[in-house]
Amino acid sequence: MKNGWIGYFEWFPDYLIEVTDLFVDDKTVAIVGYASATYQGIKTSDNKNFWKLPAAWKAIAENGKIRLWQVICDSKIPIDIMNNAGKS
């Protein structure tokens, strides 16, 4: 997981989570908001490399460890940006 996040931050070094709602009970945390980033941190005048999408995160903890981690977000736009990088 650590290596996956290292790679993700290389793609999106300014990755940001904007929290609009937070729900907590004994073992579960749910976060609703937005995720945004700029592909490779390269800002362009037309914002082609930037995305901001609604997202939700859910974590369930047991015995001091995360047992379940879920992210719900449409990843098509960031993937399209990555696939089209450098294309005119």
Protein backbone atom coordinates (compact mmCIF):
# COMPACT_ATOMS: atom_id res chain seq x y z
CA MET A 1 0.00 0.00 0.00
CA LYS A 2 2.83 2.38 0.85
CA ASN A 3 4.43 1.91 -2.59
CA GLY A 4 1.07 2.48 -4.24
CA TRP A 5 0.64 5.83 -2.49
CA ILE A 6 4.21 6.85 -3.33
CA GLY A 7 3.43 6.23 -7.01
CA TYR A 8 0.10 8.05 -6.77
CA PHE A 9 1.76 11.15 -5.28
CA GLU A 10 4.30 11.09 -8.10
CA TRP A 11 1.39 11.31 -10.53
CA PHE A 12 -0.59 13.81 -8.43
CA PRO A 13 1.76 15.62 -6.02
CA ASP A 14 -0.89 18.18 -5.02
CA TYR A 15 -3.61 15.60 -4.26
CA LEU A 16 -6.15 17.18 -1.94
CA ILE A 17 -9.15 15.87 -0.03
CA GLU A 18 -11.83 18.46 0.76
CA VAL A 19 -14.17 17.21 3.52
CA THR A 20 -17.77 18.42 3.46
CA ASP A 21 -19.33 15.78 5.75
CA LEU A 22 -17.96 13.43 8.37
CA PHE A 23 -19.82 10.53 10.01
CA VAL A 24 -18.37 8.53 12.91
CA ASP A 25 -19.56 5.65 15.08
CA ASP A 26 -17.76 3.07 17.23
CA LYS A 27 -15.68 1.45 14.47
CA THR A 28 -16.58 3.27 11.27
CA VAL A 29 -15.67 6.62 9.78
CA ALA A 30 -17.26 7.90 6.57
CA ILE A 31 -16.03 11.03 4.81
CA VAL A 32 -17.83 12.79 1.96
CA GLY A 33 -16.37 15.58 -0.10
CA TYR A 34 -14.10 16.15 -3.07
CA ALA A 35 -10.74 14.89 -4.29
CA SER A 36 -8.65 17.04 -6.60
CA ALA A 37 -5.17 17.16 -8.09
CA THR A 38 -3.03 18.23 -11.00
CA TYR A 39 -1.33 15.52 -13.07
CA GLN A 40 2.41 15.63 -12.31
CA GLY A 41 1.83 19.03 -10.68
CA ILE A 42 2.01 20.69 -14.11
CA LYS A 43 -0.49 23.54 -14.22
CA THR A 44 -1.62 24.66 -17.67
CA SER A 45 -3.50 27.80 -18.72
CA ASP A 46 -6.44 25.66 -19.89
CA ASN A 47 -6.44 23.49 -16.71
CA LYS A 48 -6.23 20.29 -18.81
CA ASN A 49 -4.15 18.56 -16.13
CA PHE A 50 -6.44 19.44 -13.21
CA TRP A 51 -9.41 17.47 -11.90
CA LYS A 52 -11.84 17.84 -8.99
CA LEU A 53 -14.42 15.12 -8.36
CA PRO A 54 -17.01 14.21 -5.73
CA ALA A 55 -15.73 11.37 -3.57
CA ALA A 56 -16.44 9.35 -0.44
CA TRP A 57 -14.14 7.40 1.87
CA LYS A 58 -15.03 4.74 4.43
CA ALA A 59 -12.78 3.19 7.06
CA ILE A 60 -13.56 0.47 9.58
CA ALA A 61 -11.12 -0.08 12.45
CA GLU A 62 -10.64 -3.17 14.58
CA ASN A 63 -8.03 -3.78 17.25
CA GLY A 64 -6.26 -0.51 16.48
CA LYS A 65 -5.88 -1.30 12.76
CA ILE A 66 -7.77 -0.40 9.63
CA ARG A 67 -9.73 -3.53 8.60
CA LEU A 68 -11.51 -1.94 5.62
CA TRP A 69 -10.64 1.09 3.50
CA GLN A 70 -12.94 2.09 0.63
CA VAL A 71 -12.83 4.99 -1.77
CA ILE A 72 -15.74 5.80 -4.04
CA CYS A 73 -14.78 8.18 -6.83
CA ASP A 74 -15.04 8.11 -10.61
CA SER A 75 -11.41 7.69 -11.69
CA LYS A 76 -12.10 7.98 -15.43
CA ILE A 77 -11.27 11.69 -15.63
CA PRO A 78 -7.82 11.39 -13.95
CA ILE A 79 -7.02 8.33 -16.08
CA ASP A 80 -8.06 10.18 -19.25
CA ILE A 81 -5.83 13.10 -18.26
CA MET A 82 -2.89 10.74 -17.75
CA ASN A 83 -3.54 8.99 -21.07
CA ASN A 84 -3.77 12.30 -22.95
CA ALA A 85 -0.76 14.01 -21.33
CA GLY A 86 1.48 15.52 -23.96
CA LYS A 87 -1.06 15.05 -26.74
CA SER A 88 -2.38 18.08 -28.59
